[in-house]
N, C-alpha and C. Protein backbone atom coordinates (compact mmCIF):
# COMPACT_ATOMS: atom_id res chain seq x y z
N MET A 1 -16.50 19.03 -34.43
CA MET A 1 -17.30 17.49 -35.07
C MET A 1 -15.71 16.71 -36.13
N THR A 2 -15.22 17.64 -36.36
CA THR A 2 -14.29 16.75 -37.33
C THR A 2 -13.08 15.86 -36.41
N ARG A 3 -12.74 17.21 -35.22
CA ARG A 3 -11.60 16.25 -34.21
C ARG A 3 -12.60 15.17 -33.59
N SER A 4 -13.91 15.41 -33.01
CA SER A 4 -14.43 14.37 -32.35
C SER A 4 -14.40 12.95 -33.27
N LEU A 5 -14.58 13.05 -34.61
CA LEU A 5 -15.05 11.98 -35.46
C LEU A 5 -13.57 11.53 -35.98
N VAL A 6 -12.46 12.16 -35.57
CA VAL A 6 -11.26 11.39 -36.41
C VAL A 6 -10.92 10.66 -34.37
N SER A 7 -11.33 11.11 -33.68
CA SER A 7 -11.01 10.25 -32.08
C SER A 7 -11.85 9.24 -31.95
N ALA A 8 -12.69 9.32 -32.44
CA ALA A 8 -13.90 8.12 -32.50
C ALA A 8 -13.30 7.21 -33.59
N ILE A 9 -12.76 7.40 -34.71
CA ILE A 9 -12.18 6.31 -35.80
C ILE A 9 -10.96 6.02 -34.89
N LEU A 10 -10.44 6.75 -34.22
CA LEU A 10 -8.85 6.15 -33.76
C LEU A 10 -9.29 5.29 -32.42
N VAL A 11 -9.92 5.55 -31.61
CA VAL A 11 -10.52 4.47 -31.04
C VAL A 11 -11.43 3.37 -30.81
N VAL A 12 -12.12 3.42 -32.50
CA VAL A 12 -12.25 2.22 -32.71
C VAL A 12 -11.33 1.02 -33.57
N LEU A 13 -10.31 1.73 -33.97
CA LEU A 13 -9.34 1.23 -34.85
C LEU A 13 -8.64 0.33 -33.59
N ALA A 14 -8.07 1.23 -32.52
CA ALA A 14 -7.55 0.74 -30.91
C ALA A 14 -8.26 -0.27 -30.61
N THR A 15 -9.39 -0.28 -30.18
CA THR A 15 -10.30 -1.35 -29.95
C THR A 15 -9.97 -2.97 -30.78
N GLY A 16 -10.00 -2.20 -31.89
CA GLY A 16 -10.34 -3.50 -33.01
C GLY A 16 -9.35 -4.03 -32.69
N GLU A 17 -7.75 -3.91 -32.63
CA GLU A 17 -6.51 -4.15 -32.54
C GLU A 17 -6.55 -5.31 -31.56
N ILE A 18 -6.95 -4.39 -30.53
CA ILE A 18 -7.14 -4.85 -28.92
C ILE A 18 -7.58 -6.54 -28.92
N LEU A 19 -8.87 -6.58 -29.94
CA LEU A 19 -9.98 -7.66 -29.86
C LEU A 19 -9.42 -8.41 -30.44
N CYS A 20 -8.40 -8.43 -31.23
CA CYS A 20 -8.22 -9.16 -32.41
C CYS A 20 -7.28 -9.51 -31.35
N ALA A 21 -6.16 -9.13 -31.26
CA ALA A 21 -5.38 -9.71 -30.37
C ALA A 21 -6.05 -10.85 -29.19
N GLN A 22 -6.40 -9.95 -28.13
CA GLN A 22 -7.45 -11.18 -27.79
C GLN A 22 -7.92 -12.36 -28.08
N SER A 23 -8.36 -12.39 -29.01
CA SER A 23 -9.35 -13.55 -29.89
C SER A 23 -8.31 -14.78 -30.12
N ALA A 24 -7.20 -14.29 -30.96
CA ALA A 24 -6.36 -15.03 -31.37
C ALA A 24 -5.86 -15.94 -30.47
N GLY A 25 -5.55 -15.74 -29.17
CA GLY A 25 -5.42 -16.64 -27.96
C GLY A 25 -6.49 -17.07 -27.16
N ARG A 26 -7.58 -16.47 -27.62
CA ARG A 26 -8.67 -17.07 -26.31
C ARG A 26 -9.02 -18.25 -26.02
N PHE A 27 -8.85 -19.56 -27.06
CA PHE A 27 -9.14 -20.58 -26.61
C PHE A 27 -8.12 -21.80 -26.29
N ARG A 28 -6.68 -20.92 -26.44
CA ARG A 28 -5.70 -22.02 -25.74
C ARG A 28 -5.35 -22.01 -24.65
N SER A 29 -5.38 -23.13 -24.20
CA SER A 29 -4.67 -23.55 -22.68
C SER A 29 -3.28 -23.02 -22.45
N ARG A 30 -3.33 -22.25 -21.17
CA ARG A 30 -2.04 -22.00 -20.61
C ARG A 30 -0.76 -23.00 -20.49
N GLU A 31 0.46 -22.19 -21.68
CA GLU A 31 1.57 -23.45 -21.04
C GLU A 31 2.37 -22.93 -20.26
N GLU A 32 2.49 -22.05 -19.76
CA GLU A 32 3.48 -22.06 -18.28
C GLU A 32 2.51 -21.95 -17.35
N SER A 33 2.63 -22.10 -16.51
CA SER A 33 2.12 -22.18 -15.09
C SER A 33 2.92 -21.20 -13.92
N VAL A 34 2.25 -20.68 -13.45
CA VAL A 34 2.87 -19.85 -12.09
C VAL A 34 3.04 -20.95 -11.36
N SER A 35 4.65 -20.50 -10.40
CA SER A 35 4.77 -21.35 -9.49
C SER A 35 4.43 -20.70 -8.26
N LYS A 36 4.89 -21.65 -7.24
CA LYS A 36 4.09 -20.90 -5.87
C LYS A 36 5.03 -20.04 -5.14
N ARG A 37 6.20 -20.20 -5.90
CA ARG A 37 7.30 -18.92 -5.74
C ARG A 37 6.67 -17.28 -6.15
N GLN A 38 6.61 -17.46 -7.23
CA GLN A 38 5.94 -16.36 -7.86
C GLN A 38 4.51 -15.90 -7.58
N ALA A 39 4.03 -16.72 -7.17
CA ALA A 39 2.97 -16.59 -6.67
C ALA A 39 2.91 -15.36 -5.04
N GLN A 40 3.72 -15.92 -4.50
CA GLN A 40 3.78 -15.57 -3.33
C GLN A 40 4.59 -13.67 -3.75
N ILE A 41 5.61 -14.00 -4.47
CA ILE A 41 6.07 -12.70 -4.76
C ILE A 41 5.11 -11.70 -4.85
N LEU A 42 4.17 -12.10 -6.00
CA LEU A 42 3.21 -11.67 -6.23
C LEU A 42 2.15 -10.71 -5.49
N SER A 43 1.52 -11.69 -4.52
CA SER A 43 0.71 -11.59 -3.48
C SER A 43 1.65 -10.33 -2.52
N ALA A 44 2.65 -10.83 -2.19
CA ALA A 44 3.58 -9.93 -1.60
C ALA A 44 3.44 -8.12 -2.29
N ILE A 45 3.55 -8.23 -3.15
CA ILE A 45 3.64 -7.06 -3.98
C ILE A 45 2.15 -6.58 -3.45
N PHE A 46 1.22 -6.68 -4.12
CA PHE A 46 -0.25 -6.35 -4.09
C PHE A 46 -0.96 -7.58 -3.41
N PRO A 47 -2.41 -7.36 -2.53
CA PRO A 47 -2.45 -8.56 -2.12
C PRO A 47 -3.62 -9.32 -3.47
N GLY A 48 -3.75 -10.03 -3.58
CA GLY A 48 -4.71 -11.09 -4.71
C GLY A 48 -3.87 -11.43 -6.16
N LEU A 49 -2.82 -10.69 -5.68
CA LEU A 49 -2.43 -10.77 -7.26
C LEU A 49 -1.78 -12.56 -7.51
N GLY A 50 -1.05 -12.83 -6.44
CA GLY A 50 -0.93 -14.60 -6.80
C GLY A 50 -1.99 -15.61 -6.74
N GLN A 51 -3.09 -15.34 -5.89
CA GLN A 51 -4.22 -16.05 -6.28
C GLN A 51 -4.65 -15.94 -7.27
N LEU A 52 -5.03 -14.24 -7.82
CA LEU A 52 -5.49 -14.64 -9.70
C LEU A 52 -4.16 -15.12 -10.29
N ALA A 53 -2.89 -15.04 -10.27
CA ALA A 53 -1.97 -15.60 -11.33
C ALA A 53 -2.30 -17.13 -11.19
N THR A 54 -2.11 -17.98 -10.26
CA THR A 54 -2.80 -19.44 -10.41
C THR A 54 -4.19 -19.98 -10.90
N GLY A 55 -4.76 -18.72 -10.82
CA GLY A 55 -6.45 -19.33 -11.23
C GLY A 55 -7.57 -19.31 -10.28
N GLN A 56 -6.95 -18.71 -9.11
CA GLN A 56 -8.28 -18.60 -8.11
C GLN A 56 -8.83 -17.24 -8.09
N ARG A 57 -9.32 -16.99 -9.50
CA ARG A 57 -9.81 -15.64 -9.82
C ARG A 57 -11.06 -15.08 -8.64
N GLY A 58 -11.53 -15.95 -7.98
CA GLY A 58 -12.59 -15.61 -7.17
C GLY A 58 -11.99 -14.70 -5.82
N ARG A 59 -11.31 -15.44 -5.43
CA ARG A 59 -10.54 -15.09 -3.98
C ARG A 59 -9.72 -14.12 -4.00
N GLY A 60 -9.22 -13.93 -5.29
CA GLY A 60 -7.79 -12.92 -5.77
C GLY A 60 -8.54 -11.88 -6.48
N THR A 61 -9.62 -11.86 -6.75
CA THR A 61 -10.33 -10.75 -7.05
C THR A 61 -10.90 -9.75 -5.93
N ALA A 62 -11.51 -10.76 -5.40
CA ALA A 62 -11.96 -10.04 -3.84
C ALA A 62 -10.93 -9.45 -2.93
N MET A 63 -9.67 -10.15 -2.96
CA MET A 63 -8.41 -9.24 -2.35
C MET A 63 -8.38 -8.11 -2.88
N VAL A 64 -8.32 -7.99 -4.34
CA VAL A 64 -7.59 -6.69 -5.19
C VAL A 64 -8.62 -5.93 -5.08
N ALA A 65 -10.01 -6.08 -5.21
CA ALA A 65 -11.11 -5.15 -5.16
C ALA A 65 -10.97 -4.37 -3.68
N GLY A 66 -11.05 -5.54 -2.46
CA GLY A 66 -11.08 -5.19 -1.08
C GLY A 66 -10.05 -4.12 -0.56
N GLU A 67 -8.72 -4.54 -1.15
CA GLU A 67 -7.48 -3.88 -0.83
C GLU A 67 -7.46 -2.35 -1.49
N VAL A 68 -8.11 -2.11 -2.46
CA VAL A 68 -7.86 -0.93 -3.59
C VAL A 68 -9.33 0.21 -2.56
N GLY A 69 -10.23 -0.85 -2.34
CA GLY A 69 -11.32 -0.18 -1.87
C GLY A 69 -10.89 0.40 -0.35
N PHE A 70 -10.21 -0.26 0.33
CA PHE A 70 -9.82 -0.10 1.98
C PHE A 70 -8.53 1.25 1.60
N VAL A 71 -7.78 0.83 0.82
CA VAL A 71 -6.93 1.63 0.54
C VAL A 71 -7.13 3.55 0.44
N VAL A 72 -8.10 3.47 -0.53
CA VAL A 72 -8.88 4.62 -1.34
C VAL A 72 -9.73 5.39 0.07
N VAL A 73 -10.36 4.17 0.76
CA VAL A 73 -10.99 5.27 1.61
C VAL A 73 -10.13 5.65 2.82
N TRP A 74 -9.09 5.02 3.18
CA TRP A 74 -8.27 5.07 3.55
C TRP A 74 -7.13 6.30 3.48
N LEU A 75 -6.92 6.50 2.36
CA LEU A 75 -6.22 7.92 1.75
C LEU A 75 -7.23 8.91 1.73
N THR A 76 -8.71 8.94 1.54
CA THR A 76 -9.56 9.78 1.44
C THR A 76 -9.61 10.25 3.24
N SER A 77 -9.79 9.44 4.00
CA SER A 77 -9.87 9.66 5.47
C SER A 77 -8.47 10.40 5.92
N HIS A 78 -7.70 10.06 5.34
CA HIS A 78 -6.32 10.66 5.64
C HIS A 78 -5.98 12.53 5.64
N ALA A 79 -6.80 12.41 4.38
CA ALA A 79 -6.61 13.62 3.76
C ALA A 79 -7.95 14.60 4.23
N ASP A 80 -9.00 13.76 4.91
CA ASP A 80 -9.72 14.80 5.65
C ASP A 80 -9.38 14.91 7.17
N TYR A 81 -8.55 13.84 7.47
CA TYR A 81 -8.22 14.16 9.09
C TYR A 81 -7.23 15.60 9.06
N ASN A 82 -6.64 15.40 8.10
CA ASN A 82 -5.42 16.46 8.03
C ASN A 82 -6.01 18.09 7.65
N THR A 83 -7.02 18.26 6.99
CA THR A 83 -7.80 19.34 6.61
C THR A 83 -8.70 19.48 7.92
N ARG A 84 -9.18 18.90 8.60
CA ARG A 84 -9.88 18.87 10.04
C ARG A 84 -9.35 19.56 11.01
N LYS A 85 -7.63 18.94 11.07
CA LYS A 85 -6.76 18.83 11.99
C LYS A 85 -6.45 20.47 11.96
N GLU A 86 -6.27 20.83 10.25
CA GLU A 86 -6.11 22.31 10.20
C GLU A 86 -7.27 23.19 11.22
N GLN A 87 -8.58 22.95 10.49
CA GLN A 87 -9.52 23.39 10.96
C GLN A 87 -9.50 24.06 12.56
N PHE A 88 -9.31 22.68 13.19
CA PHE A 88 -9.44 22.68 14.94
C PHE A 88 -8.43 23.69 15.41
N ALA A 89 -7.28 23.66 14.48
CA ALA A 89 -6.08 24.50 15.09
C ALA A 89 -6.02 26.03 14.80
N ILE A 90 -7.06 26.60 13.90
CA ILE A 90 -7.51 28.00 13.46
C ILE A 90 -8.51 28.37 14.56
N GLU A 91 -9.49 26.80 14.86
CA GLU A 91 -10.32 27.53 15.83
C GLU A 91 -10.21 27.50 17.37
N GLU A 92 -9.27 26.56 17.03
CA GLU A 92 -8.34 26.92 18.63
C GLU A 92 -7.88 28.43 18.92
N THR A 93 -7.05 28.33 18.12
CA THR A 93 -6.41 30.34 17.99
C THR A 93 -7.71 31.15 17.94
N ARG A 94 -8.37 30.93 17.63
CA ARG A 94 -9.39 31.92 17.76
C ARG A 94 -10.26 32.01 18.85
N TYR A 95 -10.18 30.85 19.26
CA TYR A 95 -11.03 30.88 20.85
C TYR A 95 -9.85 31.40 21.92
N PHE A 96 -8.96 30.85 21.52
CA PHE A 96 -7.49 31.40 22.90
C PHE A 96 -7.60 32.93 23.06
N ASP A 97 -7.74 33.61 21.44
CA ASP A 97 -7.76 34.92 21.24
C ASP A 97 -8.60 35.70 21.88
N LEU A 98 -9.66 34.60 22.24
CA LEU A 98 -11.08 35.72 22.83
C LEU A 98 -10.85 35.84 24.33
N GLN A 99 -9.64 35.38 25.01
CA GLN A 99 -9.69 35.38 26.40
C GLN A 99 -8.59 36.41 26.23
N ASN A 100 -8.13 37.09 25.58
CA ASN A 100 -7.55 38.37 26.11
C ASN A 100 -8.88 39.82 25.66
N GLY A 101 -9.32 39.07 25.17
CA GLY A 101 -10.62 40.35 24.89
C GLY A 101 -11.68 39.84 24.10
N GLY A 102 -12.89 39.74 24.67
CA GLY A 102 -14.10 39.55 23.83
C GLY A 102 -15.03 39.19 24.90
N SER A 103 -16.09 39.03 24.61
CA SER A 103 -17.34 38.82 25.29
C SER A 103 -17.62 37.27 25.76
N PHE A 104 -18.67 37.33 26.44
CA PHE A 104 -18.64 35.77 26.79
C PHE A 104 -19.51 35.33 26.06
N VAL A 105 -20.50 35.92 25.23
CA VAL A 105 -21.29 35.36 24.38
C VAL A 105 -20.33 34.64 22.93
N ASP A 106 -19.34 35.27 22.50
CA ASP A 106 -18.89 34.96 21.70
C ASP A 106 -17.62 34.15 22.40
N ALA A 107 -17.04 33.77 23.34
CA ALA A 107 -16.41 33.01 23.66
C ALA A 107 -17.12 31.56 23.83
N GLU A 108 -18.32 31.57 24.14
CA GLU A 108 -19.28 30.37 24.26
C GLU A 108 -19.54 29.62 23.29
N GLU A 109 -19.78 30.68 22.06
CA GLU A 109 -19.68 30.13 20.74
C GLU A 109 -18.40 29.79 19.88
N SER A 110 -17.57 30.29 20.34
CA SER A 110 -16.63 29.95 19.98
C SER A 110 -16.35 28.22 20.54
N TRP A 111 -16.27 28.33 21.60
CA TRP A 111 -16.24 26.83 22.63
C TRP A 111 -17.11 26.06 21.72
N GLN A 112 -18.11 26.26 21.38
CA GLN A 112 -19.28 25.19 20.76
C GLN A 112 -18.78 25.10 19.32
N GLN A 113 -18.43 26.01 18.64
CA GLN A 113 -17.72 25.15 17.33
C GLN A 113 -16.31 24.76 17.34
N LEU A 114 -15.74 24.98 18.58
CA LEU A 114 -14.41 24.26 18.24
C LEU A 114 -14.70 22.46 19.36
N LYS A 115 -15.94 22.63 20.13
CA LYS A 115 -16.33 21.00 20.05
C LYS A 115 -16.34 20.68 19.23
N ASP A 116 -17.39 21.05 18.21
CA ASP A 116 -17.57 20.15 16.97
C ASP A 116 -16.75 20.08 16.10
N LYS A 117 -15.50 20.89 16.38
CA LYS A 117 -14.35 20.67 15.30
C LYS A 117 -13.91 19.24 15.48
N LYS A 118 -13.89 19.27 16.88
CA LYS A 118 -12.83 18.12 17.92
C LYS A 118 -13.72 16.92 17.60
N ASP A 119 -15.26 16.99 17.81
CA ASP A 119 -15.89 15.77 17.65
C ASP A 119 -15.51 14.99 15.88
N ASP A 120 -15.94 16.15 14.83
CA ASP A 120 -15.19 15.55 13.55
C ASP A 120 -14.06 15.36 13.31
N LEU A 121 -13.18 15.61 14.11
CA LEU A 121 -11.66 15.71 14.23
C LEU A 121 -11.58 14.08 14.46
N ASP A 122 -12.16 13.95 15.76
CA ASP A 122 -12.03 12.50 16.24
C ASP A 122 -12.76 11.54 15.22
N ARG A 123 -13.97 11.67 14.80
CA ARG A 123 -14.76 10.63 14.17
C ARG A 123 -13.71 10.63 12.47
N SER A 124 -13.18 11.36 12.08
CA SER A 124 -11.67 11.19 10.90
C SER A 124 -10.86 10.45 11.20
N HIS A 125 -10.58 10.66 12.43
CA HIS A 125 -9.44 9.98 12.88
C HIS A 125 -9.81 8.53 13.22
N THR A 126 -10.63 8.00 13.60
CA THR A 126 -11.25 6.84 13.59
C THR A 126 -11.34 6.03 12.32
N LEU A 127 -12.19 6.89 11.51
CA LEU A 127 -12.14 5.99 10.14
C LEU A 127 -10.98 5.98 9.65
N ARG A 128 -9.87 6.59 9.86
CA ARG A 128 -8.74 6.92 9.19
C ARG A 128 -8.01 5.05 9.87
N VAL A 129 -7.94 5.40 11.34
CA VAL A 129 -7.52 4.19 11.81
C VAL A 129 -8.11 2.76 11.59
N ALA A 130 -9.18 2.66 11.50
CA ALA A 130 -10.10 1.65 10.97
C ALA A 130 -10.00 1.23 9.86
N PHE A 131 -9.97 1.73 8.79
CA PHE A 131 -9.54 1.43 7.61
C PHE A 131 -8.25 0.88 6.69
N GLY A 132 -7.47 1.90 7.84
CA GLY A 132 -5.62 1.21 7.62
C GLY A 132 -5.82 0.24 8.45
N ALA A 133 -5.88 -0.37 9.49
CA ALA A 133 -6.49 -1.57 10.10
C ALA A 133 -6.65 -2.55 8.97
N LEU A 134 -7.91 -2.28 8.53
CA LEU A 134 -8.81 -3.14 7.97
C LEU A 134 -7.50 -3.85 6.23
N SER A 135 -6.94 -2.75 5.93
CA SER A 135 -5.92 -2.88 4.93
C SER A 135 -4.66 -3.66 5.35
N ILE A 136 -4.26 -3.60 6.18
CA ILE A 136 -3.63 -4.38 6.92
C ILE A 136 -3.63 -5.55 7.34
N ALA A 137 -5.17 -5.92 7.57
CA ALA A 137 -5.63 -7.37 8.03
C ALA A 137 -5.47 -8.04 6.62
N LEU A 138 -6.01 -7.19 5.67
CA LEU A 138 -6.66 -7.88 4.41
C LEU A 138 -5.03 -8.07 3.85
N TYR A 139 -4.05 -7.43 3.67
CA TYR A 139 -2.75 -7.87 3.05
C TYR A 139 -2.16 -8.72 4.56
N THR A 140 -2.10 -8.82 5.26
CA THR A 140 -1.83 -9.89 6.42
C THR A 140 -2.35 -11.33 6.32
N TYR A 141 -3.72 -11.35 5.68
CA TYR A 141 -4.80 -12.51 5.66
C TYR A 141 -4.37 -13.08 4.23
N ASN A 142 -3.68 -12.28 3.57
CA ASN A 142 -3.27 -12.46 2.22
C ASN A 142 -2.22 -13.50 1.92
N LEU A 143 -1.37 -12.79 2.80
CA LEU A 143 -0.11 -13.53 3.20
C LEU A 143 0.12 -14.89 3.58
N VAL A 144 -0.52 -14.94 4.52
CA VAL A 144 -1.09 -16.36 5.49
C VAL A 144 -1.82 -16.94 4.38
N ASP A 145 -2.73 -16.55 3.47
CA ASP A 145 -3.27 -17.68 2.60
C ASP A 145 -1.97 -18.11 1.43
N VAL A 146 -1.19 -17.01 0.81
CA VAL A 146 -0.37 -17.79 0.00
C VAL A 146 1.03 -18.66 0.44
N LEU A 147 1.23 -18.30 1.68
CA LEU A 147 2.18 -19.29 2.44
C LEU A 147 1.87 -20.11 3.05
N TRP A 148 1.00 -20.06 3.30
CA TRP A 148 0.71 -21.64 4.53
C TRP A 148 -0.57 -22.28 4.00
N LEU A 149 -1.44 -21.11 3.73
CA LEU A 149 -2.84 -21.66 3.85
C LEU A 149 -3.37 -22.70 2.19
N ASP A 150 -2.01 -22.62 0.92
CA ASP A 150 -1.98 -23.14 -0.16
C ASP A 150 -3.03 -22.22 -1.15
N GLY A 151 -3.06 -20.98 -0.84
CA GLY A 151 -3.40 -20.14 -1.38
C GLY A 151 -2.75 -19.74 -3.43
N ALA A 152 -1.75 -20.21 -2.98
CA ALA A 152 -0.86 -20.18 -4.64
C ALA A 152 -1.57 -21.48 -5.41
N SER A 153 -1.77 -22.86 -4.69
CA SER A 153 -1.39 -23.68 -5.72
C SER A 153 -2.69 -23.66 -6.74
N PRO A 154 -2.17 -24.06 -7.71
CA PRO A 154 -2.77 -23.88 -8.98
C PRO A 154 -3.98 -25.32 -8.79
N LYS A 155 -5.11 -25.11 -9.34
CA LYS A 155 -5.89 -25.98 -9.41
C LYS A 155 -5.70 -27.33 -9.92
N ARG A 156 -6.01 -28.44 -9.34
CA ARG A 156 -5.61 -29.74 -9.58
C ARG A 156 -6.18 -30.18 -11.03
N VAL A 157 -7.28 -30.12 -10.88
CA VAL A 157 -8.37 -30.15 -11.98
C VAL A 157 -8.77 -28.89 -12.71
N THR A 158 -8.66 -28.77 -13.62
CA THR A 158 -9.51 -27.67 -14.41
C THR A 158 -10.29 -28.14 -16.09
N LEU A 159 -11.32 -27.43 -16.40
CA LEU A 159 -11.83 -27.34 -17.63
C LEU A 159 -11.10 -26.15 -18.31
N ALA A 160 -10.72 -26.63 -19.52
CA ALA A 160 -10.18 -25.81 -20.31
C ALA A 160 -11.28 -25.80 -21.85
N PRO A 161 -11.44 -24.59 -21.90
CA PRO A 161 -12.09 -24.79 -23.63
C PRO A 161 -10.94 -24.74 -24.83
N VAL A 162 -11.21 -25.91 -25.63
CA VAL A 162 -10.04 -25.87 -26.81
C VAL A 162 -10.61 -25.59 -28.14
N MET A 163 -9.94 -25.35 -29.39
CA MET A 163 -10.66 -24.71 -30.56
C MET A 163 -10.01 -26.49 -31.17
N ARG A 164 -11.06 -26.83 -32.01
CA ARG A 164 -10.59 -28.11 -32.45
C ARG A 164 -10.89 -27.47 -34.08
N PRO A 165 -10.26 -28.38 -35.25
CA PRO A 165 -11.15 -28.15 -36.37
C PRO A 165 -11.91 -28.46 -36.76
N ASP A 166 -13.03 -29.41 -36.00
CA ASP A 166 -14.21 -29.68 -36.11
C ASP A 166 -15.13 -29.07 -35.33
N GLY A 167 -14.71 -28.03 -34.35
CA GLY A 167 -15.48 -27.08 -33.85
C GLY A 167 -14.98 -27.01 -32.19
N LEU A 168 -15.95 -26.28 -31.76
CA LEU A 168 -14.87 -26.27 -30.20
C LEU A 168 -15.44 -27.21 -29.37
N ALA A 169 -14.31 -27.60 -28.12
CA ALA A 169 -14.50 -28.87 -27.37
C ALA A 169 -14.04 -28.01 -25.99
N ALA A 170 -14.32 -29.14 -25.10
CA ALA A 170 -13.81 -29.02 -23.31
C ALA A 170 -12.55 -29.87 -23.15
N VAL A 171 -11.85 -29.61 -22.88
CA VAL A 171 -10.50 -30.38 -22.12
C VAL A 171 -10.68 -30.61 -20.87
N LEU A 172 -10.50 -31.79 -19.88
CA LEU A 172 -10.65 -31.85 -18.51
C LEU A 172 -8.83 -32.10 -18.34
N VAL A 173 -8.20 -30.96 -17.76
CA VAL A 173 -6.97 -30.72 -17.75
C VAL A 173 -7.03 -31.09 -15.81
N ALA A 174 -5.96 -32.20 -15.83
CA ALA A 174 -5.17 -32.35 -14.40
C ALA A 174 -3.79 -32.40 -14.01
N ARG A 175 -3.76 -32.06 -13.05
CA ARG A 175 -1.97 -31.54 -12.96
C ARG A 175 -1.63 -32.34 -12.01
N PHE A 176 -0.69 -33.14 -11.61
CA PHE A 176 0.02 -34.10 -10.77
C PHE A 176 1.28 -33.35 -10.34
């Protein structure tokens, strides 16, 4: 009980510090701009980071989320493929061992299991290849977007909230 109470107090204090740090600069407009070259480097590191850095939140968020999703499914299917490959090898050894002695019924049963394992292995391989290709395609589109389609250009006109002495105001910012 005491340990959880102390943990809860530490979490509240840490969160309060973060919130205070965030609220201090909440309504200030950004003074430094990300150059197109910096955005290209960020996008080369991970898809969508360059778009996020230049203020294109929708496109950047979609690319980051898509790439994370594709990579997670690819990694999962890759591990699944390796597991199924090992299971197939075990079943294949069992089937070949029946050639030296065993009944026809055992061989037929082992053949059906081997066939099922091969189908599972093929499905897992297809999934692995598909999501690997989707991940590469999204990364390629990200690079094309940031290099040639002006995905790294900051927005020319933006509306930024500003804190004024008499209250909150909105400022129209135009970049040339």
